[in-house]
Amino acid sequence: MYEAAIAELSHLDGPDLLARLVTDLFDGNIALVSSFGAESAVLLHMAASIDRSLRSLRSTPESCLQKRSLVVRK
């Protein structure tokens, strides 16, 4: 189903790939799943630089607290 998109985007690095996925392929209809740990902070930073309205999903109270601390630091 996404073979053409994979072929077209495979040369892009993380930030450029995420930007194309958010703005072109999924046209903003995308959400991020995050643990809000150190690795997730990088992904969330990239996503926020592309579209601050992107949704992020979390599953634990600890994740909610971590997200708040990341947002406050920004």
PDB file of N, CA and C in Angstrom:
ATOM      1  N   MET A   1       0.817  -1.201   0.000  1.00  0.00           N
ATOM      2  CA  MET A   1       0.000   0.000   0.000  1.00  0.00           C
ATOM      3  C   MET A   1       0.863   1.269   0.000  1.00  0.00           C
ATOM      4  N   TYR A   2       1.934   1.268   0.796  1.00  0.00           N
ATOM      5  CA  TYR A   2       2.788   2.454   0.896  1.00  0.00           C
ATOM      6  C   TYR A   2       4.129   2.266   0.193  1.00  0.00           C
ATOM      7  N   GLU A   3       4.233   1.285  -0.673  1.00  0.00           N
ATOM      8  CA  GLU A   3       5.507   0.999  -1.323  1.00  0.00           C
ATOM      9  C   GLU A   3       6.049   2.209  -2.086  1.00  0.00           C
ATOM     10  N   ALA A   4       5.196   2.914  -2.804  1.00  0.00           N
ATOM     11  CA  ALA A   4       5.637   4.085  -3.572  1.00  0.00           C
ATOM     12  C   ALA A   4       6.149   5.179  -2.643  1.00  0.00           C
ATOM     13  N   ALA A   5       5.458   5.409  -1.536  1.00  0.00           N
ATOM     14  CA  ALA A   5       5.891   6.432  -0.577  1.00  0.00           C
ATOM     15  C   ALA A   5       7.212   6.038   0.057  1.00  0.00           C
ATOM     16  N   ILE A   6       7.379   4.777   0.399  1.00  0.00           N
ATOM     17  CA  ILE A   6       8.638   4.312   0.985  1.00  0.00           C
ATOM     18  C   ILE A   6       9.774   4.534   0.006  1.00  0.00           C
ATOM     19  N   ALA A   7       9.561   4.185  -1.236  1.00  0.00           N
ATOM     20  CA  ALA A   7      10.604   4.376  -2.254  1.00  0.00           C
ATOM     21  C   ALA A   7      10.939   5.857  -2.427  1.00  0.00           C
ATOM     22  N   GLU A   8       9.938   6.705  -2.397  1.00  0.00           N
ATOM     23  CA  GLU A   8      10.151   8.143  -2.600  1.00  0.00           C
ATOM     24  C   GLU A   8      10.846   8.806  -1.416  1.00  0.00           C
ATOM     25  N   LEU A   9      10.586   8.316  -0.205  1.00  0.00           N
ATOM     26  CA  LEU A   9      11.082   8.977   0.995  1.00  0.00           C
ATOM     27  C   LEU A   9      12.302   8.317   1.624  1.00  0.00           C
ATOM     28  N   SER A  10      12.732   7.202   1.108  1.00  0.00           N
ATOM     29  CA  SER A  10      13.783   6.411   1.765  1.00  0.00           C
ATOM     30  C   SER A  10      15.125   7.133   1.871  1.00  0.00           C
ATOM     31  N   HIS A  11      15.361   8.146   1.081  1.00  0.00           N
ATOM     32  CA  HIS A  11      16.632   8.872   1.121  1.00  0.00           C
ATOM     33  C   HIS A  11      16.662   9.969   2.190  1.00  0.00           C
ATOM     34  N   LEU A  12      15.533  10.261   2.821  1.00  0.00           N
ATOM     35  CA  LEU A  12      15.456  11.363   3.780  1.00  0.00           C
ATOM     36  C   LEU A  12      15.938  10.943   5.166  1.00  0.00           C
ATOM     37  N   ASP A  13      16.485  11.910   5.925  1.00  0.00           N
ATOM     38  CA  ASP A  13      16.867  11.634   7.305  1.00  0.00           C
ATOM     39  C   ASP A  13      15.673  11.904   8.231  1.00  0.00           C
ATOM     40  N   GLY A  14      15.862  11.735   9.526  1.00  0.00           N
ATOM     41  CA  GLY A  14      14.776  11.823  10.506  1.00  0.00           C
ATOM     42  C   GLY A  14      13.889  13.049  10.416  1.00  0.00           C
ATOM     43  N   PRO A  15      14.440  14.257  10.598  1.00  0.00           N
ATOM     44  CA  PRO A  15      13.589  15.451  10.578  1.00  0.00           C
ATOM     45  C   PRO A  15      12.885  15.670   9.234  1.00  0.00           C
ATOM     46  N   ASP A  16      13.618  15.472   8.144  1.00  0.00           N
ATOM     47  CA  ASP A  16      13.007  15.669   6.825  1.00  0.00           C
ATOM     48  C   ASP A  16      11.957  14.602   6.532  1.00  0.00           C
ATOM     49  N   LEU A  17      12.237  13.379   6.949  1.00  0.00           N
ATOM     50  CA  LEU A  17      11.279  12.296   6.758  1.00  0.00           C
ATOM     51  C   LEU A  17      10.010  12.559   7.556  1.00  0.00           C
ATOM     52  N   LEU A  18      10.162  12.926   8.813  1.00  0.00           N
ATOM     53  CA  LEU A  18       8.992  13.201   9.645  1.00  0.00           C
ATOM     54  C   LEU A  18       8.175  14.356   9.073  1.00  0.00           C
ATOM     55  N   ALA A  19       8.848  15.395   8.605  1.00  0.00           N
ATOM     56  CA  ALA A  19       8.135  16.541   8.025  1.00  0.00           C
ATOM     57  C   ALA A  19       7.301  16.116   6.826  1.00  0.00           C
ATOM     58  N   ARG A  20       7.879  15.313   5.940  1.00  0.00           N
ATOM     59  CA  ARG A  20       7.130  14.856   4.762  1.00  0.00           C
ATOM     60  C   ARG A  20       5.973  13.960   5.148  1.00  0.00           C
ATOM     61  N   LEU A  21       6.179  13.095   6.147  1.00  0.00           N
ATOM     62  CA  LEU A  21       5.087  12.222   6.587  1.00  0.00           C
ATOM     63  C   LEU A  21       3.936  13.036   7.169  1.00  0.00           C
ATOM     64  N   VAL A  22       4.267  14.008   8.003  1.00  0.00           N
ATOM     65  CA  VAL A  22       3.238  14.816   8.667  1.00  0.00           C
ATOM     66  C   VAL A  22       2.506  15.706   7.677  1.00  0.00           C
ATOM     67  N   THR A  23       3.251  16.404   6.823  1.00  0.00           N
ATOM     68  CA  THR A  23       2.622  17.414   5.976  1.00  0.00           C
ATOM     69  C   THR A  23       2.091  16.872   4.655  1.00  0.00           C
ATOM     70  N   ASP A  24       2.747  15.869   4.104  1.00  0.00           N
ATOM     71  CA  ASP A  24       2.343  15.379   2.786  1.00  0.00           C
ATOM     72  C   ASP A  24       1.562  14.067   2.853  1.00  0.00           C
ATOM     73  N   LEU A  25       2.232  13.024   3.325  1.00  0.00           N
ATOM     74  CA  LEU A  25       1.638  11.693   3.254  1.00  0.00           C
ATOM     75  C   LEU A  25       0.380  11.562   4.113  1.00  0.00           C
ATOM     76  N   PHE A  26       0.461  12.016   5.362  1.00  0.00           N
ATOM     77  CA  PHE A  26      -0.692  11.880   6.257  1.00  0.00           C
ATOM     78  C   PHE A  26      -1.469  13.178   6.418  1.00  0.00           C
ATOM     79  N   ASP A  27      -1.000  14.255   5.839  1.00  0.00           N
ATOM     80  CA  ASP A  27      -1.702  15.542   5.832  1.00  0.00           C
ATOM     81  C   ASP A  27      -2.197  15.950   7.215  1.00  0.00           C
ATOM     82  N   GLY A  28      -1.346  15.770   8.233  1.00  0.00           N
ATOM     83  CA  GLY A  28      -1.704  16.172   9.589  1.00  0.00           C
ATOM     84  C   GLY A  28      -2.545  15.167  10.352  1.00  0.00           C
ATOM     85  N   ASN A  29      -2.984  14.109   9.714  1.00  0.00           N
ATOM     86  CA  ASN A  29      -3.804  13.084  10.374  1.00  0.00           C
ATOM     87  C   ASN A  29      -2.910  11.985  10.931  1.00  0.00           C
ATOM     88  N   ILE A  30      -2.085  12.368  11.884  1.00  0.00           N
ATOM     89  CA  ILE A  30      -1.115  11.451  12.465  1.00  0.00           C
ATOM     90  C   ILE A  30      -0.958  11.801  13.941  1.00  0.00           C
ATOM     91  N   ALA A  31      -0.688  10.799  14.737  1.00  0.00           N
ATOM     92  CA  ALA A  31      -0.415  11.010  16.161  1.00  0.00           C
ATOM     93  C   ALA A  31       0.866  10.266  16.502  1.00  0.00           C
ATOM     94  N   LEU A  32       1.583  10.763  17.479  1.00  0.00           N
ATOM     95  CA  LEU A  32       2.818  10.136  17.936  1.00  0.00           C
ATOM     96  C   LEU A  32       2.550   9.375  19.221  1.00  0.00           C
ATOM     97  N   VAL A  33       3.131   8.213  19.328  1.00  0.00           N
ATOM     98  CA  VAL A  33       3.067   7.435  20.563  1.00  0.00           C
ATOM     99  C   VAL A  33       4.424   7.584  21.231  1.00  0.00           C
ATOM    100  N   SER A  34       4.407   7.981  22.489  1.00  0.00           N
ATOM    101  CA  SER A  34       5.658   8.316  23.148  1.00  0.00           C
ATOM    102  C   SER A  34       5.657   7.882  24.604  1.00  0.00           C
ATOM    103  N   SER A  35       6.827   7.458  25.056  1.00  0.00           N
ATOM    104  CA  SER A  35       7.007   7.161  26.481  1.00  0.00           C
ATOM    105  C   SER A  35       7.440   8.412  27.230  1.00  0.00           C
ATOM    106  N   PHE A  36       7.782   9.458  26.493  1.00  0.00           N
ATOM    107  CA  PHE A  36       8.280  10.726  27.023  1.00  0.00           C
ATOM    108  C   PHE A  36       9.594  10.549  27.767  1.00  0.00           C
ATOM    109  N   GLY A  37      10.362   9.558  27.361  1.00  0.00           N
ATOM    110  CA  GLY A  37      11.717   9.376  27.869  1.00  0.00           C
ATOM    111  C   GLY A  37      12.699  10.167  27.025  1.00  0.00           C
ATOM    112  N   ALA A  38      13.987   9.909  27.210  1.00  0.00           N
ATOM    113  CA  ALA A  38      15.035  10.669  26.511  1.00  0.00           C
ATOM    114  C   ALA A  38      14.919  10.545  25.000  1.00  0.00           C
ATOM    115  N   GLU A  39      14.730   9.319  24.493  1.00  0.00           N
ATOM    116  CA  GLU A  39      14.623   9.139  23.045  1.00  0.00           C
ATOM    117  C   GLU A  39      13.373   9.815  22.504  1.00  0.00           C
ATOM    118  N   SER A  40      12.300   9.746  23.260  1.00  0.00           N
ATOM    119  CA  SER A  40      11.052  10.362  22.818  1.00  0.00           C
ATOM    120  C   SER A  40      11.148  11.880  22.792  1.00  0.00           C
ATOM    121  N   ALA A  41      11.970  12.442  23.656  1.00  0.00           N
ATOM    122  CA  ALA A  41      12.126  13.894  23.680  1.00  0.00           C
ATOM    123  C   ALA A  41      12.634  14.400  22.331  1.00  0.00           C
ATOM    124  N   VAL A  42      13.513  13.624  21.700  1.00  0.00           N
ATOM    125  CA  VAL A  42      14.035  14.005  20.384  1.00  0.00           C
ATOM    126  C   VAL A  42      12.911  13.990  19.356  1.00  0.00           C
ATOM    127  N   LEU A  43      12.130  12.916  19.348  1.00  0.00           N
ATOM    128  CA  LEU A  43      11.011  12.810  18.416  1.00  0.00           C
ATOM    129  C   LEU A  43       9.999  13.930  18.647  1.00  0.00           C
ATOM    130  N   LEU A  44       9.662  14.195  19.891  1.00  0.00           N
ATOM    131  CA  LEU A  44       8.691  15.253  20.200  1.00  0.00           C
ATOM    132  C   LEU A  44       9.213  16.631  19.798  1.00  0.00           C
ATOM    133  N   HIS A  45      10.508  16.857  19.970  1.00  0.00           N
ATOM    134  CA  HIS A  45      11.092  18.131  19.553  1.00  0.00           C
ATOM    135  C   HIS A  45      10.992  18.295  18.037  1.00  0.00           C
ATOM    136  N   MET A  46      11.332  17.217  17.301  1.00  0.00           N
ATOM    137  CA  MET A  46      11.224  17.284  15.842  1.00  0.00           C
ATOM    138  C   MET A  46       9.786  17.536  15.433  1.00  0.00           C
ATOM    139  N   ALA A  47       8.849  16.829  16.054  1.00  0.00           N
ATOM    140  CA  ALA A  47       7.438  16.983  15.700  1.00  0.00           C
ATOM    141  C   ALA A  47       6.944  18.397  15.992  1.00  0.00           C
ATOM    142  N   ALA A  48       7.333  18.942  17.135  1.00  0.00           N
ATOM    143  CA  ALA A  48       6.896  20.291  17.498  1.00  0.00           C
ATOM    144  C   ALA A  48       7.453  21.333  16.537  1.00  0.00           C
ATOM    145  N   SER A  49       8.642  21.081  15.996  1.00  0.00           N
ATOM    146  CA  SER A  49       9.207  22.047  15.046  1.00  0.00           C
ATOM    147  C   SER A  49       8.487  21.984  13.702  1.00  0.00           C
ATOM    148  N   ILE A  50       7.781  20.896  13.447  1.00  0.00           N
ATOM    149  CA  ILE A  50       7.028  20.736  12.201  1.00  0.00           C
ATOM    150  C   ILE A  50       5.602  21.234  12.363  1.00  0.00           C
ATOM    151  N   ASP A  51       4.943  20.783  13.441  1.00  0.00           N
ATOM    152  CA  ASP A  51       3.534  21.136  13.657  1.00  0.00           C
ATOM    153  C   ASP A  51       3.222  20.989  15.138  1.00  0.00           C
ATOM    154  N   ARG A  52       3.091  22.101  15.830  1.00  0.00           N
ATOM    155  CA  ARG A  52       2.867  22.063  17.289  1.00  0.00           C
ATOM    156  C   ARG A  52       1.499  21.484  17.656  1.00  0.00           C
ATOM    157  N   SER A  53       0.609  21.322  16.684  1.00  0.00           N
ATOM    158  CA  SER A  53      -0.714  20.781  17.000  1.00  0.00           C
ATOM    159  C   SER A  53      -0.778  19.255  16.889  1.00  0.00           C
ATOM    160  N   LEU A  54       0.344  18.602  16.551  1.00  0.00           N
ATOM    161  CA  LEU A  54       0.331  17.145  16.452  1.00  0.00           C
ATOM    162  C   LEU A  54      -0.053  16.524  17.786  1.00  0.00           C
ATOM    163  N   ARG A  55      -0.837  15.481  17.710  1.00  0.00           N
ATOM    164  CA  ARG A  55      -1.264  14.784  18.921  1.00  0.00           C
ATOM    165  C   ARG A  55      -0.181  13.807  19.359  1.00  0.00           C
ATOM    166  N   SER A  56      -0.035  13.671  20.680  1.00  0.00           N
ATOM    167  CA  SER A  56       0.861  12.649  21.213  1.00  0.00           C
ATOM    168  C   SER A  56       0.067  11.825  22.214  1.00  0.00           C
ATOM    169  N   LEU A  57       0.281  10.533  22.175  1.00  0.00           N
ATOM    170  CA  LEU A  57      -0.441   9.606  23.037  1.00  0.00           C
ATOM    171  C   LEU A  57       0.475   9.110  24.135  1.00  0.00           C
ATOM    172  N   ARG A  58      -0.054   8.984  25.322  1.00  0.00           N
ATOM    173  CA  ARG A  58       0.715   8.477  26.450  1.00  0.00           C
ATOM    174  C   ARG A  58      -0.160   7.536  27.260  1.00  0.00           C
ATOM    175  N   SER A  59       0.467   6.689  28.045  1.00  0.00           N
ATOM    176  CA  SER A  59      -0.327   5.657  28.704  1.00  0.00           C
ATOM    177  C   SER A  59      -0.171   5.588  30.209  1.00  0.00           C
ATOM    178  N   THR A  60       0.769   6.297  30.787  1.00  0.00           N
ATOM    179  CA  THR A  60       0.983   6.173  32.235  1.00  0.00           C
ATOM    180  C   THR A  60       1.013   7.546  32.889  1.00  0.00           C
ATOM    181  N   PRO A  61       0.695   7.616  34.180  1.00  0.00           N
ATOM    182  CA  PRO A  61       0.800   8.907  34.892  1.00  0.00           C
ATOM    183  C   PRO A  61       2.226   9.460  34.843  1.00  0.00           C
ATOM    184  N   GLU A  62       3.228   8.563  34.914  1.00  0.00           N
ATOM    185  CA  GLU A  62       4.614   9.014  34.849  1.00  0.00           C
ATOM    186  C   GLU A  62       4.897   9.703  33.513  1.00  0.00           C
ATOM    187  N   SER A  63       4.307   9.181  32.449  1.00  0.00           N
ATOM    188  CA  SER A  63       4.486   9.796  31.134  1.00  0.00           C
ATOM    189  C   SER A  63       3.888  11.187  31.096  1.00  0.00           C
ATOM    190  N   CYS A  64       2.756  11.361  31.727  1.00  0.00           N
ATOM    191  CA  CYS A  64       2.124  12.689  31.764  1.00  0.00           C
ATOM    192  C   CYS A  64       3.028  13.688  32.474  1.00  0.00           C
ATOM    193  N   LEU A  65       3.616  13.276  33.590  1.00  0.00           N
ATOM    194  CA  LEU A  65       4.518  14.164  34.322  1.00  0.00           C
ATOM    195  C   LEU A  65       5.759  14.478  33.499  1.00  0.00           C
ATOM    196  N   GLN A  66       6.304  13.483  32.818  1.00  0.00           N
ATOM    197  CA  GLN A  66       7.482  13.708  31.986  1.00  0.00           C
ATOM    198  C   GLN A  66       7.162  14.665  30.850  1.00  0.00           C
ATOM    199  N   LYS A  67       5.990  14.517  30.220  1.00  0.00           N
ATOM    200  CA  LYS A  67       5.606  15.415  29.133  1.00  0.00           C
ATOM    201  C   LYS A  67       5.525  16.850  29.642  1.00  0.00           C
ATOM    202  N   ARG A  68       4.911  17.040  30.806  1.00  0.00           N
ATOM    203  CA  ARG A  68       4.796  18.389  31.355  1.00  0.00           C
ATOM    204  C   ARG A  68       6.181  19.006  31.581  1.00  0.00           C
ATOM    205  N   SER A  69       7.126  18.203  32.080  1.00  0.00           N
ATOM    206  CA  SER A  69       8.464  18.756  32.322  1.00  0.00           C
ATOM    207  C   SER A  69       9.157  19.105  31.002  1.00  0.00           C
ATOM    208  N   LEU A  70       8.926  18.331  29.941  1.00  0.00           N
ATOM    209  CA  LEU A  70       9.504  18.649  28.637  1.00  0.00           C
ATOM    210  C   LEU A  70       8.901  19.918  28.069  1.00  0.00           C
ATOM    211  N   VAL A  71       7.603  20.090  28.213  1.00  0.00           N
ATOM    212  CA  VAL A  71       6.917  21.273  27.681  1.00  0.00           C
ATOM    213  C   VAL A  71       7.379  22.512  28.418  1.00  0.00           C
ATOM    214  N   VAL A  72       7.552  22.423  29.743  1.00  0.00           N
ATOM    215  CA  VAL A  72       7.978  23.567  30.533  1.00  0.00           C
ATOM    216  C   VAL A  72       9.366  24.015  30.117  1.00  0.00           C
ATOM    217  N   ARG A  73      10.259  23.076  29.815  1.00  0.00           N
ATOM    218  CA  ARG A  73      11.625  23.418  29.423  1.00  0.00           C
ATOM    219  C   ARG A  73      11.699  24.133  28.089  1.00  0.00           C
ATOM    220  N   LYS A  74      10.762  23.916  27.223  1.00  0.00           N
ATOM    221  CA  LYS A  74      10.793  24.468  25.852  1.00  0.00           C
ATOM    222  C   LYS A  74      10.699  25.954  25.844  1.00  0.00           C
TER     223      LYS A  74
END
